[in-house]
Amino acid sequence: MANIKSAQKRVKIAERNRLRNKSYKSAVRTLMKKFLATVDAHAAQPTPETEKEVQAAMSSAYSKIDKAVKRGVLHANTGARRKARLAKAMKTKVAATAAS
């Protein structure tokens, strides 16, 4: 433990920020997994309802990623990379469904 008062304060602030960042990162990962599961479900059985679910899941995942970037939890390039991976996953699954 730090002996200097300012260092003790920095330890408390760092822990608070770590927990806040952890919750954002966890939410981003959860929404990404939910989106990928929705895309798989849509690819297995494409219907207008699953298409709407895919769009809603993508919107919520993009929103959470953008908020994490805005708050400094994720680097801007990391956010862009994750959004690109989601878009690529959707594009490949939908293209595979359309081809078959």
C-alpha atoms as a PDB file:
ATOM      1  CA  MET A   1       0.000   0.000   0.000  1.00  0.00           C
ATOM      2  CA  ALA A   2       1.181   3.512  -0.770  1.00  0.00           C
ATOM      3  CA  ASN A   3       2.381   5.743   2.073  1.00  0.00           C
ATOM      4  CA  ILE A   4       1.854   9.128   0.446  1.00  0.00           C
ATOM      5  CA  LYS A   5      -1.667  10.519   0.624  1.00  0.00           C
ATOM      6  CA  SER A   6      -1.841  11.425  -3.066  1.00  0.00           C
ATOM      7  CA  ALA A   7      -0.609   7.960  -4.013  1.00  0.00           C
ATOM      8  CA  GLN A   8      -3.296   6.369  -1.830  1.00  0.00           C
ATOM      9  CA  LYS A   9      -5.895   8.468  -3.622  1.00  0.00           C
ATOM     10  CA  ARG A  10      -4.549   7.400  -7.022  1.00  0.00           C
ATOM     11  CA  VAL A  11      -4.824   3.744  -5.963  1.00  0.00           C
ATOM     12  CA  LYS A  12      -8.497   4.250  -5.049  1.00  0.00           C
ATOM     13  CA  ILE A  13      -9.213   6.111  -8.283  1.00  0.00           C
ATOM     14  CA  ALA A  14      -7.439   3.487 -10.378  1.00  0.00           C
ATOM     15  CA  GLU A  15      -9.500   0.720  -8.773  1.00  0.00           C
ATOM     16  CA  ARG A  16     -12.743   2.631  -9.350  1.00  0.00           C
ATOM     17  CA  ASN A  17     -11.852   3.207 -12.991  1.00  0.00           C
ATOM     18  CA  ARG A  18     -10.802  -0.431 -13.430  1.00  0.00           C
ATOM     19  CA  LEU A  19     -14.195  -1.642 -12.245  1.00  0.00           C
ATOM     20  CA  ARG A  20     -16.010   0.820 -14.498  1.00  0.00           C
ATOM     21  CA  ASN A  21     -13.902  -0.196 -17.502  1.00  0.00           C
ATOM     22  CA  LYS A  22     -14.452  -3.868 -16.679  1.00  0.00           C
ATOM     23  CA  SER A  23     -18.231  -3.444 -16.796  1.00  0.00           C
ATOM     24  CA  TYR A  24     -18.081  -1.673 -20.166  1.00  0.00           C
ATOM     25  CA  LYS A  25     -15.772  -4.294 -21.671  1.00  0.00           C
ATOM     26  CA  SER A  26     -17.939  -7.092 -20.329  1.00  0.00           C
ATOM     27  CA  ALA A  27     -21.070  -5.508 -21.794  1.00  0.00           C
ATOM     28  CA  VAL A  28     -19.363  -5.099 -25.179  1.00  0.00           C
ATOM     29  CA  ARG A  29     -18.305  -8.758 -25.219  1.00  0.00           C
ATOM     30  CA  THR A  30     -21.783  -9.901 -24.185  1.00  0.00           C
ATOM     31  CA  LEU A  31     -23.504  -7.866 -26.898  1.00  0.00           C
ATOM     32  CA  MET A  32     -21.022  -9.089 -29.516  1.00  0.00           C
ATOM     33  CA  LYS A  33     -21.726 -12.721 -28.581  1.00  0.00           C
ATOM     34  CA  LYS A  34     -25.465 -12.066 -28.613  1.00  0.00           C
ATOM     35  CA  PHE A  35     -25.187 -10.503 -32.071  1.00  0.00           C
ATOM     36  CA  LEU A  36     -23.166 -13.420 -33.445  1.00  0.00           C
ATOM     37  CA  ALA A  37     -25.683 -15.899 -32.029  1.00  0.00           C
ATOM     38  CA  THR A  38     -28.525 -13.926 -33.634  1.00  0.00           C
ATOM     39  CA  VAL A  39     -26.716 -13.913 -36.986  1.00  0.00           C
ATOM     40  CA  ASP A  40     -26.237 -17.693 -36.755  1.00  0.00           C
ATOM     41  CA  ALA A  41     -29.937 -18.131 -35.998  1.00  0.00           C
ATOM     42  CA  HIS A  42     -30.844 -15.934 -38.959  1.00  0.00           C
ATOM     43  CA  ALA A  43     -28.486 -17.876 -41.243  1.00  0.00           C
ATOM     44  CA  ALA A  44     -30.051 -21.161 -40.140  1.00  0.00           C
ATOM     45  CA  GLN A  45     -33.620 -19.969 -40.716  1.00  0.00           C
ATOM     46  CA  PRO A  46     -33.905 -16.601 -42.496  1.00  0.00           C
ATOM     47  CA  THR A  47     -37.195 -14.864 -41.778  1.00  0.00           C
ATOM     48  CA  PRO A  48     -38.204 -11.201 -41.570  1.00  0.00           C
ATOM     49  CA  GLU A  49     -38.410 -11.506 -37.779  1.00  0.00           C
ATOM     50  CA  THR A  50     -34.851 -12.779 -37.445  1.00  0.00           C
ATOM     51  CA  GLU A  51     -33.709 -10.038 -39.816  1.00  0.00           C
ATOM     52  CA  LYS A  52     -35.173  -7.451 -37.434  1.00  0.00           C
ATOM     53  CA  GLU A  53     -33.510  -9.193 -34.484  1.00  0.00           C
ATOM     54  CA  VAL A  54     -30.156  -9.084 -36.279  1.00  0.00           C
ATOM     55  CA  GLN A  55     -30.527  -5.358 -36.955  1.00  0.00           C
ATOM     56  CA  ALA A  56     -31.518  -4.665 -33.337  1.00  0.00           C
ATOM     57  CA  ALA A  57     -28.607  -6.721 -31.992  1.00  0.00           C
ATOM     58  CA  MET A  58     -26.181  -4.990 -34.343  1.00  0.00           C
ATOM     59  CA  SER A  59     -27.467  -1.573 -33.339  1.00  0.00           C
ATOM     60  CA  SER A  60     -27.097  -2.273 -29.622  1.00  0.00           C
ATOM     61  CA  ALA A  61     -23.600  -3.740 -30.067  1.00  0.00           C
ATOM     62  CA  TYR A  62     -22.465  -0.779 -32.187  1.00  0.00           C
ATOM     63  CA  SER A  63     -23.945   1.633 -29.668  1.00  0.00           C
ATOM     64  CA  LYS A  64     -22.160   0.038 -26.710  1.00  0.00           C
ATOM     65  CA  ILE A  65     -18.856  -0.078 -28.603  1.00  0.00           C
ATOM     66  CA  ASP A  66     -19.183   3.598 -29.541  1.00  0.00           C
ATOM     67  CA  LYS A  67     -19.961   4.551 -25.943  1.00  0.00           C
ATOM     68  CA  ALA A  68     -16.942   2.603 -24.680  1.00  0.00           C
ATOM     69  CA  VAL A  69     -14.734   4.422 -27.187  1.00  0.00           C
ATOM     70  CA  LYS A  70     -16.226   7.774 -26.243  1.00  0.00           C
ATOM     71  CA  ARG A  71     -15.560   7.156 -22.555  1.00  0.00           C
ATOM     72  CA  GLY A  72     -11.993   6.041 -23.212  1.00  0.00           C
ATOM     73  CA  VAL A  73     -12.520   2.429 -22.174  1.00  0.00           C
ATOM     74  CA  LEU A  74     -11.577   1.191 -25.647  1.00  0.00           C
ATOM     75  CA  HIS A  75      -9.165   2.752 -28.118  1.00  0.00           C
ATOM     76  CA  ALA A  76     -10.822   4.148 -31.235  1.00  0.00           C
ATOM     77  CA  ASN A  77      -9.075   1.633 -33.503  1.00  0.00           C
ATOM     78  CA  THR A  78     -10.149  -1.242 -31.242  1.00  0.00           C
ATOM     79  CA  GLY A  79     -13.764  -0.092 -31.467  1.00  0.00           C
ATOM     80  CA  ALA A  80     -13.544   0.189 -35.242  1.00  0.00           C
ATOM     81  CA  ARG A  81     -11.974  -3.273 -35.499  1.00  0.00           C
ATOM     82  CA  ARG A  82     -14.696  -4.878 -33.403  1.00  0.00           C
ATOM     83  CA  LYS A  83     -17.453  -3.207 -35.410  1.00  0.00           C
ATOM     84  CA  ALA A  84     -15.773  -4.342 -38.642  1.00  0.00           C
ATOM     85  CA  ARG A  85     -15.626  -7.923 -37.366  1.00  0.00           C
ATOM     86  CA  LEU A  86     -19.343  -7.823 -36.577  1.00  0.00           C
ATOM     87  CA  ALA A  87     -20.188  -6.443 -40.010  1.00  0.00           C
ATOM     88  CA  LYS A  88     -17.969  -9.036 -41.699  1.00  0.00           C
ATOM     89  CA  ALA A  89     -19.576 -11.874 -39.747  1.00  0.00           C
ATOM     90  CA  MET A  90     -23.031 -10.713 -40.772  1.00  0.00           C
ATOM     91  CA  LYS A  91     -22.019 -10.253 -44.402  1.00  0.00           C
ATOM     92  CA  THR A  92     -20.439 -13.709 -44.713  1.00  0.00           C
ATOM     93  CA  LYS A  93     -23.340 -15.498 -42.988  1.00  0.00           C
ATOM     94  CA  VAL A  94     -25.993 -13.690 -45.039  1.00  0.00           C
ATOM     95  CA  ALA A  95     -24.049 -14.268 -48.276  1.00  0.00           C
ATOM     96  CA  ALA A  96     -23.689 -17.960 -47.462  1.00  0.00           C
ATOM     97  CA  THR A  97     -27.425 -18.170 -46.766  1.00  0.00           C
ATOM     98  CA  ALA A  98     -28.281 -16.392 -50.021  1.00  0.00           C
ATOM     99  CA  ALA A  99     -25.971 -18.635 -52.023  1.00  0.00           C
ATOM    100  CA  SER A 100     -27.529 -21.822 -50.721  1.00  0.00           C
END
